[in-house]
Protein backbone atom coordinates (compact mmCIF):
# COMPACT_ATOMS: atom_id res chain seq x y z
CA MET A 1 -13.11 -28.32 2.88
CA THR A 2 -14.92 -25.37 4.49
CA LYS A 3 -13.94 -21.90 3.36
CA VAL A 4 -12.79 -19.66 6.23
CA ALA A 5 -14.43 -16.23 6.18
CA GLU A 6 -12.01 -13.33 6.12
CA PRO A 7 -12.66 -10.31 8.33
CA GLN A 8 -13.83 -7.12 6.66
CA PHE A 9 -12.17 -3.81 7.43
CA ILE A 10 -14.31 -0.72 7.06
CA GLU A 11 -12.87 2.74 7.40
CA SER A 12 -15.51 5.36 8.21
CA THR A 13 -16.35 8.27 10.47
CA ALA A 14 -18.25 7.76 13.71
CA GLY A 15 -21.27 9.53 12.25
CA GLN A 16 -21.37 7.27 9.20
CA VAL A 17 -20.81 3.84 10.80
CA ALA A 18 -24.48 2.78 10.90
CA ALA A 19 -25.10 3.97 7.35
CA GLU A 20 -22.02 2.14 6.06
CA LEU A 21 -23.02 -1.10 7.78
CA THR A 22 -26.53 -0.79 6.34
CA ARG A 23 -25.10 -0.08 2.88
CA ARG A 24 -23.09 -3.29 3.10
CA GLY A 25 -26.14 -5.29 4.13
CA ILE A 26 -24.96 -6.03 7.65
CA ALA A 27 -27.95 -6.77 9.89
CA PRO A 28 -28.48 -4.40 12.85
CA ASP A 29 -28.28 -7.30 15.32
CA ARG A 30 -24.99 -8.69 13.95
CA HIS A 31 -21.99 -8.39 16.26
CA VAL A 32 -19.30 -5.96 15.06
CA THR A 33 -16.09 -4.71 16.62
CA ILE A 34 -15.13 -1.06 16.21
CA THR A 35 -11.65 0.29 16.83
CA ILE A 36 -11.36 3.97 17.63
CA GLU A 37 -8.01 5.39 16.66
CA PRO A 38 -6.54 8.33 18.56
CA ASP A 39 -6.85 11.53 16.55
CA ASP A 40 -3.14 11.96 16.21
CA TRP A 41 -1.89 8.37 16.15
CA LEU A 42 -0.38 8.67 12.66
CA ALA A 43 1.45 11.88 13.58
CA GLU A 44 2.83 10.21 16.70
CA VAL A 45 4.03 7.18 14.75
CA ARG A 46 5.66 9.34 12.09
CA ARG A 47 7.37 11.53 14.72
CA TYR A 48 8.78 8.41 16.37
CA SER A 49 9.81 6.66 13.17
CA ARG A 50 10.94 9.61 11.04
CA PRO A 51 14.56 9.69 12.32
CA LYS A 52 14.85 5.94 11.68
CA VAL A 53 13.35 6.30 8.20
CA ILE A 54 15.77 9.11 7.31
CA GLU A 55 18.69 7.13 8.71
CA ALA A 56 17.73 4.20 6.49
CA GLY A 57 17.57 6.50 3.45
CA TRP A 58 13.78 6.28 3.01
CA SER A 59 11.34 9.14 2.46
CA ASP A 60 7.77 9.71 3.62
CA GLU A 61 6.72 8.95 0.05
CA ASP A 62 8.42 5.56 0.28
CA ILE A 63 6.50 4.78 3.47
CA ASP A 64 3.19 6.00 1.97
CA ARG A 65 3.79 3.79 -1.07
CA LEU A 66 4.45 0.76 1.12
CA ILE A 67 1.33 1.45 3.20
CA LYS A 68 -0.82 1.72 0.07
CA GLN A 69 0.71 -1.48 -1.30
CA ALA A 70 -0.04 -3.33 1.94
CA GLN A 71 -3.62 -1.98 1.99
CA GLU A 72 -4.15 -3.22 -1.56
CA GLU A 73 -2.85 -6.67 -0.57
CA VAL A 74 -5.25 -6.81 2.37
CA GLU A 75 -8.21 -5.13 0.66
CA PRO A 76 -7.96 -5.62 -3.13
CA GLY A 77 -9.85 -2.98 -5.12
CA ARG A 78 -10.11 -0.64 -2.13
CA ARG A 79 -9.35 2.51 -4.09
């Protein structure tokens, strides 16, 4: 059975993208997809979800913990 390659997720600044790809050994002619997040996307999401989180009895720390847990599941050893 052929092993299916998993996508890699790289978090970096715009100025460091090329250096990070080089550091990881990714050839300059290899196709990559880059997602550019809005500067304030996390603030917008928190502002929208905060009342719902409070209503459910959760804190920002609870959400941060769940996010970190999910990141570790997706990218083991990321820290």
